N, C-alpha and C. Protein backbone atom coordinates (compact mmCIF):
# COMPACT_ATOMS: atom_id res chain seq x y z
N UNK A 1 128.37 148.02 140.08
CA UNK A 1 128.87 147.75 141.42
C UNK A 1 127.68 147.41 142.32
N UNK A 2 127.82 146.40 143.11
CA UNK A 2 126.77 146.00 144.04
C UNK A 2 127.18 146.38 145.46
N UNK A 3 126.18 146.68 146.27
CA UNK A 3 126.46 146.94 147.67
C UNK A 3 126.04 145.72 148.47
N UNK A 4 126.66 145.51 149.60
CA UNK A 4 126.36 144.35 150.41
C UNK A 4 125.55 144.74 151.64
N UNK A 5 124.98 143.75 152.28
CA UNK A 5 124.21 143.99 153.50
C UNK A 5 125.09 144.65 154.55
N UNK A 6 126.37 144.26 154.63
CA UNK A 6 127.24 144.82 155.66
C UNK A 6 127.49 146.30 155.44
N UNK A 7 127.45 146.80 154.20
CA UNK A 7 127.65 148.23 153.98
C UNK A 7 126.43 149.04 154.38
N UNK A 8 125.30 148.39 154.59
CA UNK A 8 124.08 149.06 154.98
C UNK A 8 123.96 149.13 156.50
N UNK A 9 124.62 148.23 157.18
CA UNK A 9 124.59 148.26 158.65
C UNK A 9 125.32 149.49 159.14
N UNK A 10 125.22 149.75 160.41
CA UNK A 10 125.78 150.95 160.99
C UNK A 10 127.28 150.81 161.24
N UNK A 11 128.02 150.52 160.21
CA UNK A 11 129.45 150.34 160.33
C UNK A 11 130.14 151.36 159.43
N UNK A 12 131.15 152.07 159.84
CA UNK A 12 131.80 151.98 161.13
C UNK A 12 130.92 152.58 162.22
N UNK A 13 131.13 152.11 163.42
CA UNK A 13 130.27 152.47 164.54
C UNK A 13 130.86 153.62 165.36
N UNK A 14 131.52 154.53 164.71
CA UNK A 14 132.13 155.65 165.42
C UNK A 14 131.07 156.63 165.88
N UNK A 15 131.14 157.01 167.13
CA UNK A 15 130.28 158.02 167.73
C UNK A 15 128.80 157.81 167.42
N UNK A 16 128.20 156.75 167.93
CA UNK A 16 126.77 156.55 167.69
C UNK A 16 125.95 157.63 168.39
N UNK A 17 124.84 157.98 167.78
CA UNK A 17 123.94 158.98 168.35
C UNK A 17 122.55 158.40 168.41
N UNK A 18 121.83 158.72 169.47
CA UNK A 18 120.48 158.18 169.65
C UNK A 18 119.53 158.68 168.57
N UNK A 19 119.69 159.92 168.15
CA UNK A 19 118.84 160.47 167.10
C UNK A 19 119.71 161.05 166.00
N UNK A 20 119.20 161.07 164.78
CA UNK A 20 119.97 161.66 163.69
C UNK A 20 120.09 163.17 163.89
N UNK A 21 121.09 163.79 163.28
CA UNK A 21 121.28 165.23 163.48
C UNK A 21 120.14 166.04 162.90
N UNK A 22 119.77 167.10 163.59
CA UNK A 22 118.69 167.98 163.15
C UNK A 22 119.06 168.64 161.82
N UNK A 23 118.10 168.70 160.91
CA UNK A 23 118.31 169.34 159.63
C UNK A 23 118.87 168.44 158.55
N UNK A 24 119.16 167.18 158.88
CA UNK A 24 119.70 166.25 157.89
C UNK A 24 118.60 165.59 157.07
N UNK A 25 118.99 165.05 155.94
CA UNK A 25 118.04 164.39 155.04
C UNK A 25 117.39 163.20 155.72
N UNK A 26 118.19 162.37 156.39
CA UNK A 26 117.65 161.18 157.05
C UNK A 26 116.66 161.59 158.14
N UNK A 27 116.99 162.62 158.90
CA UNK A 27 116.10 163.11 159.95
C UNK A 27 114.78 163.56 159.37
N UNK A 28 114.85 164.36 158.32
CA UNK A 28 113.63 164.88 157.69
C UNK A 28 112.75 163.73 157.18
N UNK A 29 113.37 162.71 156.58
CA UNK A 29 112.60 161.58 156.07
C UNK A 29 111.93 160.80 157.21
N UNK A 30 112.67 160.57 158.29
CA UNK A 30 112.11 159.82 159.42
C UNK A 30 110.93 160.58 160.03
N UNK A 31 111.10 161.88 160.23
CA UNK A 31 110.00 162.66 160.82
C UNK A 31 108.81 162.70 159.86
N UNK A 32 109.07 162.92 158.58
CA UNK A 32 107.98 163.01 157.61
C UNK A 32 107.18 161.71 157.51
N UNK A 33 107.86 160.57 157.59
CA UNK A 33 107.19 159.30 157.35
C UNK A 33 106.85 158.50 158.60
N UNK A 34 107.25 158.98 159.79
CA UNK A 34 106.93 158.24 161.01
C UNK A 34 106.30 159.10 162.10
N UNK A 35 106.14 160.38 161.87
CA UNK A 35 105.47 161.27 162.84
C UNK A 35 104.00 161.31 162.44
N UNK A 36 103.19 160.55 163.13
CA UNK A 36 101.78 160.46 162.80
C UNK A 36 101.17 159.26 163.51
N UNK A 37 100.05 158.81 163.01
CA UNK A 37 99.31 157.73 163.66
C UNK A 37 99.12 156.56 162.69
N UNK A 38 99.50 155.37 163.15
CA UNK A 38 99.29 154.16 162.37
C UNK A 38 97.95 153.56 162.77
N UNK A 39 97.07 153.40 161.80
CA UNK A 39 95.76 152.81 162.03
C UNK A 39 95.62 151.61 161.10
N UNK A 40 94.66 150.72 161.35
CA UNK A 40 94.46 149.59 160.44
C UNK A 40 94.15 150.02 159.00
N UNK A 41 93.65 151.22 158.82
CA UNK A 41 93.33 151.72 157.48
C UNK A 41 94.54 152.35 156.80
N UNK A 42 95.60 152.59 157.55
CA UNK A 42 96.81 153.18 156.96
C UNK A 42 97.45 154.18 157.90
N UNK A 43 98.45 154.85 157.38
CA UNK A 43 99.20 155.83 158.16
C UNK A 43 98.58 157.21 157.97
N UNK A 44 98.30 157.89 159.07
CA UNK A 44 97.76 159.25 159.02
C UNK A 44 98.88 160.19 159.45
N UNK A 45 99.45 160.88 158.48
CA UNK A 45 100.59 161.76 158.72
C UNK A 45 100.20 162.96 159.58
N UNK A 46 101.12 163.39 160.44
CA UNK A 46 100.92 164.58 161.27
C UNK A 46 100.68 165.79 160.37
N UNK A 47 99.62 166.52 160.63
CA UNK A 47 99.26 167.65 159.78
C UNK A 47 99.36 168.99 160.49
N UNK A 48 99.88 168.99 161.71
CA UNK A 48 99.98 170.22 162.48
C UNK A 48 101.22 171.02 162.12
N UNK A 49 101.46 172.06 162.89
CA UNK A 49 102.62 172.92 162.70
C UNK A 49 103.79 172.31 163.44
N UNK A 50 104.94 172.17 162.75
CA UNK A 50 106.14 171.65 163.40
C UNK A 50 106.52 172.58 164.54
N UNK A 51 107.09 172.00 165.60
CA UNK A 51 107.36 172.75 166.84
C UNK A 51 108.54 173.72 166.74
N UNK A 52 109.52 173.43 165.86
CA UNK A 52 110.65 174.33 165.70
C UNK A 52 111.68 174.19 166.79
N UNK A 53 112.52 175.16 167.05
CA UNK A 53 112.46 176.54 166.59
C UNK A 53 113.03 176.70 165.19
N UNK A 54 112.65 177.69 164.47
CA UNK A 54 111.46 178.51 164.62
C UNK A 54 110.21 177.69 164.33
N UNK A 55 109.06 178.10 164.87
CA UNK A 55 107.82 177.36 164.61
C UNK A 55 107.59 177.17 163.11
N UNK A 56 107.22 175.96 162.75
CA UNK A 56 107.02 175.63 161.34
C UNK A 56 108.16 174.78 160.79
N UNK A 57 109.31 174.77 161.48
CA UNK A 57 110.43 173.92 161.09
C UNK A 57 110.51 172.73 162.04
N UNK A 58 111.08 171.64 161.55
CA UNK A 58 111.22 170.44 162.38
C UNK A 58 112.22 170.72 163.49
N UNK A 59 111.79 170.46 164.72
CA UNK A 59 112.64 170.68 165.88
C UNK A 59 112.88 169.41 166.67
N UNK A 60 113.53 169.54 167.82
CA UNK A 60 113.88 168.38 168.64
C UNK A 60 112.66 167.59 169.09
N UNK A 61 111.57 168.27 169.42
CA UNK A 61 110.35 167.57 169.86
C UNK A 61 109.76 166.76 168.72
N UNK A 62 109.77 167.32 167.52
CA UNK A 62 109.25 166.60 166.35
C UNK A 62 110.12 165.39 166.04
N UNK A 63 111.44 165.56 166.16
CA UNK A 63 112.37 164.45 165.91
C UNK A 63 112.12 163.34 166.92
N UNK A 64 111.91 163.70 168.19
CA UNK A 64 111.66 162.70 169.24
C UNK A 64 110.40 161.90 168.93
N UNK A 65 109.33 162.57 168.50
CA UNK A 65 108.08 161.87 168.17
C UNK A 65 108.28 160.98 166.94
N UNK A 66 108.94 161.51 165.91
CA UNK A 66 109.22 160.73 164.70
C UNK A 66 110.08 159.51 164.99
N UNK A 67 111.11 159.68 165.82
CA UNK A 67 111.98 158.55 166.18
C UNK A 67 111.23 157.49 166.98
N UNK A 68 110.34 157.92 167.87
CA UNK A 68 109.55 156.95 168.64
C UNK A 68 108.67 156.12 167.71
N UNK A 69 108.03 156.77 166.74
CA UNK A 69 107.22 156.05 165.76
C UNK A 69 108.07 155.14 164.89
N UNK A 70 109.25 155.60 164.51
CA UNK A 70 110.17 154.82 163.69
C UNK A 70 110.63 153.56 164.43
N UNK A 71 111.03 153.72 165.70
CA UNK A 71 111.47 152.56 166.50
C UNK A 71 110.35 151.55 166.67
N UNK A 72 109.14 152.04 166.92
CA UNK A 72 107.98 151.15 167.08
C UNK A 72 107.73 150.36 165.80
N UNK A 73 107.79 151.03 164.67
CA UNK A 73 107.54 150.36 163.40
C UNK A 73 108.67 149.42 163.00
N UNK A 74 109.92 149.74 163.37
CA UNK A 74 111.04 148.84 163.09
C UNK A 74 110.85 147.53 163.87
N UNK A 75 110.32 147.60 165.08
CA UNK A 75 110.13 146.40 165.89
C UNK A 75 108.97 145.54 165.38
N UNK A 76 107.93 146.19 164.87
CA UNK A 76 106.76 145.47 164.39
C UNK A 76 106.13 146.26 163.24
N UNK A 77 106.68 146.14 162.02
CA UNK A 77 106.17 146.94 160.90
C UNK A 77 104.70 146.63 160.59
N UNK A 78 103.88 147.68 160.57
CA UNK A 78 102.47 147.50 160.28
C UNK A 78 102.21 147.37 158.78
N UNK A 79 102.98 148.12 157.98
CA UNK A 79 102.77 148.11 156.53
C UNK A 79 104.10 147.93 155.80
N UNK A 80 104.73 146.73 155.89
CA UNK A 80 105.97 146.53 155.13
C UNK A 80 105.68 146.46 153.64
N UNK A 81 106.70 146.73 152.86
CA UNK A 81 106.60 146.76 151.40
C UNK A 81 107.24 145.49 150.84
N UNK A 82 106.74 145.00 149.72
CA UNK A 82 107.30 143.81 149.09
C UNK A 82 108.72 144.06 148.61
N UNK A 83 109.56 143.06 148.76
CA UNK A 83 110.94 143.13 148.29
C UNK A 83 111.46 141.73 148.08
N UNK A 84 112.77 141.61 148.10
CA UNK A 84 113.39 140.30 147.99
C UNK A 84 113.53 139.79 146.59
N UNK A 85 113.97 138.58 146.44
CA UNK A 85 114.20 137.81 145.23
C UNK A 85 115.41 138.35 144.47
N UNK A 86 115.39 139.57 143.96
CA UNK A 86 116.53 140.12 143.25
C UNK A 86 116.19 141.41 142.56
N UNK A 87 117.22 142.03 141.98
CA UNK A 87 117.04 143.31 141.30
C UNK A 87 116.35 143.09 139.96
N UNK A 88 115.40 143.96 139.63
CA UNK A 88 114.73 143.92 138.34
C UNK A 88 113.73 142.79 138.18
N UNK A 89 113.30 142.19 139.26
CA UNK A 89 112.34 141.07 139.23
C UNK A 89 110.92 141.63 139.16
N UNK A 90 110.04 140.90 138.47
CA UNK A 90 108.64 141.29 138.37
C UNK A 90 108.01 141.43 139.76
N UNK A 91 107.17 142.42 139.92
CA UNK A 91 106.53 142.72 141.21
C UNK A 91 105.74 141.53 141.76
N UNK A 92 105.18 140.71 140.91
CA UNK A 92 104.38 139.57 141.37
C UNK A 92 105.23 138.49 142.03
N UNK A 93 106.55 138.50 141.79
CA UNK A 93 107.44 137.51 142.38
C UNK A 93 108.04 137.96 143.71
N UNK A 94 107.86 139.23 144.06
CA UNK A 94 108.42 139.74 145.30
C UNK A 94 107.58 139.27 146.49
N UNK A 95 108.19 139.28 147.68
CA UNK A 95 107.53 138.78 148.88
C UNK A 95 107.50 139.84 149.97
N UNK A 96 106.51 139.75 150.86
CA UNK A 96 106.41 140.67 151.99
C UNK A 96 107.49 140.38 153.03
N UNK A 97 107.70 139.12 153.36
CA UNK A 97 108.64 138.73 154.40
C UNK A 97 109.42 137.52 153.92
N UNK A 98 110.74 137.65 153.87
CA UNK A 98 111.55 136.52 153.41
C UNK A 98 111.88 135.54 154.53
N UNK A 99 111.43 135.81 155.76
CA UNK A 99 111.62 134.90 156.87
C UNK A 99 113.00 134.92 157.49
N UNK A 100 113.85 135.86 157.10
CA UNK A 100 115.22 135.90 157.61
C UNK A 100 115.37 136.75 158.88
N UNK A 101 114.32 137.48 159.25
CA UNK A 101 114.33 138.21 160.51
C UNK A 101 114.90 139.61 160.46
N UNK A 102 115.19 140.14 159.27
CA UNK A 102 115.72 141.49 159.15
C UNK A 102 114.59 142.47 158.85
N UNK A 103 114.77 143.69 159.29
CA UNK A 103 113.86 144.78 158.91
C UNK A 103 114.74 145.91 158.37
N UNK A 104 114.34 146.44 157.23
CA UNK A 104 115.12 147.42 156.50
C UNK A 104 114.37 148.74 156.39
N UNK A 105 115.10 149.84 156.46
CA UNK A 105 114.59 151.15 156.09
C UNK A 105 115.24 151.49 154.77
N UNK A 106 114.44 151.67 153.74
CA UNK A 106 114.98 151.95 152.41
C UNK A 106 114.23 153.11 151.79
N UNK A 107 114.95 153.87 150.98
CA UNK A 107 114.37 155.04 150.31
C UNK A 107 114.30 154.78 148.81
N UNK A 108 113.38 155.49 148.17
CA UNK A 108 113.30 155.47 146.71
C UNK A 108 112.65 156.76 146.25
N UNK A 109 112.90 157.11 145.02
CA UNK A 109 112.33 158.32 144.47
C UNK A 109 110.88 158.04 144.07
N UNK A 110 109.99 158.91 144.50
CA UNK A 110 108.58 158.80 144.16
C UNK A 110 108.16 160.10 143.47
N UNK A 111 106.96 160.16 142.92
CA UNK A 111 106.53 161.42 142.28
C UNK A 111 106.56 162.62 143.23
N UNK A 112 106.40 162.37 144.54
CA UNK A 112 106.42 163.45 145.52
C UNK A 112 107.79 163.72 146.11
N UNK A 113 108.83 163.10 145.58
CA UNK A 113 110.18 163.26 146.10
C UNK A 113 110.67 161.97 146.74
N UNK A 114 111.75 162.07 147.49
CA UNK A 114 112.33 160.90 148.15
C UNK A 114 111.39 160.41 149.24
N UNK A 115 111.14 159.10 149.25
CA UNK A 115 110.24 158.50 150.24
C UNK A 115 110.92 157.30 150.87
N UNK A 116 110.57 156.99 152.11
CA UNK A 116 111.12 155.82 152.78
C UNK A 116 110.01 154.82 153.09
N UNK A 117 110.40 153.55 153.11
CA UNK A 117 109.50 152.45 153.44
C UNK A 117 110.25 151.45 154.29
N UNK A 118 109.51 150.62 155.02
CA UNK A 118 110.09 149.52 155.77
C UNK A 118 109.87 148.23 154.99
N UNK A 119 110.89 147.39 154.98
CA UNK A 119 110.86 146.12 154.29
C UNK A 119 111.21 145.02 155.27
N UNK A 120 110.58 143.85 155.13
CA UNK A 120 110.96 142.68 155.91
C UNK A 120 111.56 141.63 154.98
N UNK A 121 111.88 142.04 153.77
CA UNK A 121 112.66 141.25 152.83
C UNK A 121 113.66 142.22 152.19
N UNK A 122 114.67 141.71 151.56
CA UNK A 122 115.76 142.54 151.05
C UNK A 122 115.23 143.54 150.01
N UNK A 123 115.51 144.84 150.20
CA UNK A 123 114.98 145.86 149.29
C UNK A 123 115.87 146.10 148.06
N UNK A 124 115.97 145.08 147.21
CA UNK A 124 116.78 145.21 146.00
C UNK A 124 116.28 146.36 145.14
N UNK A 125 117.20 147.14 144.60
CA UNK A 125 116.86 148.24 143.72
C UNK A 125 116.45 149.51 144.45
N UNK A 126 116.45 149.48 145.77
CA UNK A 126 116.11 150.66 146.58
C UNK A 126 117.38 151.18 147.23
N UNK A 127 117.28 152.29 147.94
CA UNK A 127 118.42 152.86 148.66
C UNK A 127 118.31 152.43 150.12
N UNK A 128 118.93 151.31 150.46
CA UNK A 128 118.85 150.73 151.80
C UNK A 128 119.64 151.59 152.78
N UNK A 129 118.93 152.26 153.70
CA UNK A 129 119.58 153.18 154.63
C UNK A 129 120.04 152.48 155.90
N UNK A 130 119.17 151.67 156.50
CA UNK A 130 119.46 150.97 157.76
C UNK A 130 118.90 149.56 157.71
N UNK A 131 119.52 148.67 158.46
CA UNK A 131 119.01 147.31 158.60
C UNK A 131 119.25 146.87 160.04
N UNK A 132 118.29 146.11 160.58
CA UNK A 132 118.41 145.61 161.94
C UNK A 132 117.71 144.26 162.03
N UNK A 133 118.16 143.44 162.98
CA UNK A 133 117.43 142.22 163.29
C UNK A 133 116.12 142.62 163.95
N UNK A 134 115.03 142.10 163.48
CA UNK A 134 113.72 142.51 163.98
C UNK A 134 113.57 142.25 165.48
N UNK A 135 114.19 141.19 165.98
CA UNK A 135 114.07 140.88 167.40
C UNK A 135 115.09 141.63 168.27
N UNK A 136 115.93 142.48 167.66
CA UNK A 136 116.93 143.23 168.42
C UNK A 136 117.16 144.61 167.80
N UNK A 137 116.09 145.32 167.56
CA UNK A 137 116.16 146.65 166.94
C UNK A 137 116.88 147.65 167.84
N UNK A 138 116.70 147.52 169.14
CA UNK A 138 117.33 148.47 170.07
C UNK A 138 118.84 148.47 169.95
N UNK A 139 119.44 147.32 169.64
CA UNK A 139 120.89 147.26 169.46
C UNK A 139 121.33 148.12 168.28
N UNK A 140 120.58 148.08 167.19
CA UNK A 140 120.91 148.91 166.03
C UNK A 140 120.83 150.39 166.40
N UNK A 141 119.80 150.78 167.13
CA UNK A 141 119.66 152.18 167.51
C UNK A 141 120.75 152.61 168.49
N UNK A 142 121.28 151.68 169.28
CA UNK A 142 122.35 152.01 170.21
C UNK A 142 123.69 152.20 169.49
N UNK A 143 123.83 151.60 168.30
CA UNK A 143 125.11 151.62 167.61
C UNK A 143 125.11 152.36 166.27
N UNK A 144 123.97 152.84 165.83
CA UNK A 144 123.86 153.39 164.49
C UNK A 144 124.75 154.62 164.30
N UNK A 145 125.34 154.70 163.12
CA UNK A 145 126.11 155.87 162.71
C UNK A 145 125.28 156.54 161.61
N UNK A 146 124.70 157.68 161.92
CA UNK A 146 123.78 158.34 160.99
C UNK A 146 124.49 158.85 159.75
N UNK A 147 125.80 159.08 159.81
CA UNK A 147 126.55 159.50 158.62
C UNK A 147 126.59 158.38 157.58
N UNK A 148 126.68 157.13 158.03
CA UNK A 148 126.66 156.00 157.12
C UNK A 148 125.28 155.88 156.47
N UNK A 149 124.23 156.06 157.27
CA UNK A 149 122.87 156.02 156.72
C UNK A 149 122.69 157.10 155.66
N UNK A 150 123.23 158.29 155.92
CA UNK A 150 123.15 159.38 154.95
C UNK A 150 123.91 159.02 153.68
N UNK A 151 125.08 158.41 153.81
CA UNK A 151 125.85 157.99 152.65
C UNK A 151 125.15 156.94 151.82
N UNK A 152 124.32 156.11 152.46
CA UNK A 152 123.60 155.06 151.74
C UNK A 152 122.49 155.61 150.85
N UNK A 153 122.13 156.87 151.02
CA UNK A 153 121.12 157.47 150.15
C UNK A 153 121.63 157.51 148.71
N UNK A 154 122.93 157.55 148.54
CA UNK A 154 123.53 157.62 147.20
C UNK A 154 123.65 156.26 146.51
N UNK A 155 123.39 155.16 147.22
CA UNK A 155 123.66 153.82 146.70
C UNK A 155 122.39 153.04 146.44
N UNK A 156 122.29 152.44 145.26
CA UNK A 156 121.20 151.54 144.94
C UNK A 156 121.61 150.14 145.38
N UNK A 157 120.82 149.50 146.21
CA UNK A 157 121.18 148.21 146.79
C UNK A 157 120.92 147.07 145.83
N UNK A 158 121.96 146.28 145.57
CA UNK A 158 121.80 145.06 144.80
C UNK A 158 121.57 145.26 143.32
N UNK A 159 121.77 146.44 142.81
CA UNK A 159 121.58 146.69 141.39
C UNK A 159 122.75 147.47 140.83
N UNK A 160 122.61 147.96 139.63
CA UNK A 160 123.70 148.75 139.04
C UNK A 160 123.88 150.07 139.79
N UNK A 161 125.13 150.55 139.81
CA UNK A 161 125.41 151.83 140.43
C UNK A 161 124.86 152.93 139.54
N UNK A 162 123.89 153.68 140.06
CA UNK A 162 123.23 154.73 139.29
C UNK A 162 123.50 156.05 139.98
N UNK A 163 123.95 157.04 139.21
CA UNK A 163 124.17 158.37 139.77
C UNK A 163 122.83 158.91 140.21
N UNK A 164 122.67 159.17 141.53
CA UNK A 164 121.38 159.56 142.09
C UNK A 164 121.09 161.04 141.92
N UNK A 165 122.11 161.86 141.84
CA UNK A 165 121.88 163.31 141.68
C UNK A 165 122.72 163.85 140.58
């Protein structure tokens, strides 16, 4: 079974929320991968104590900082990952930007657990969580349904349906 680009968008648009719910998988991934500093040498992840409550757990302040970094990177990704062409294609044939104007947030399993990356080409074979037009990212954030993004963690985009858990 293949998933389509429309299933990755924030549809249905019932009850959009500015930030994902606290304690959710999508929230944890966004904070983990976007709370920090982007430098020309790479991303320097936040290494301090999460604000909580309780201290040490991700709280509203941490989510706000992570979401700000996420929105900034969605508008102008500093380190997009190669994608596009199709599922199961050799890495040398993939492209950084397919020129279609979309920016994707996609997850994949890594040795350290589930990780997210930004793509400016279609992330075939990944778990596409969100997609937005690069020149109108704010519209996606105004309409996003975080429950749909959470459901997309279970789906491999553009490839065979694989039981994720």
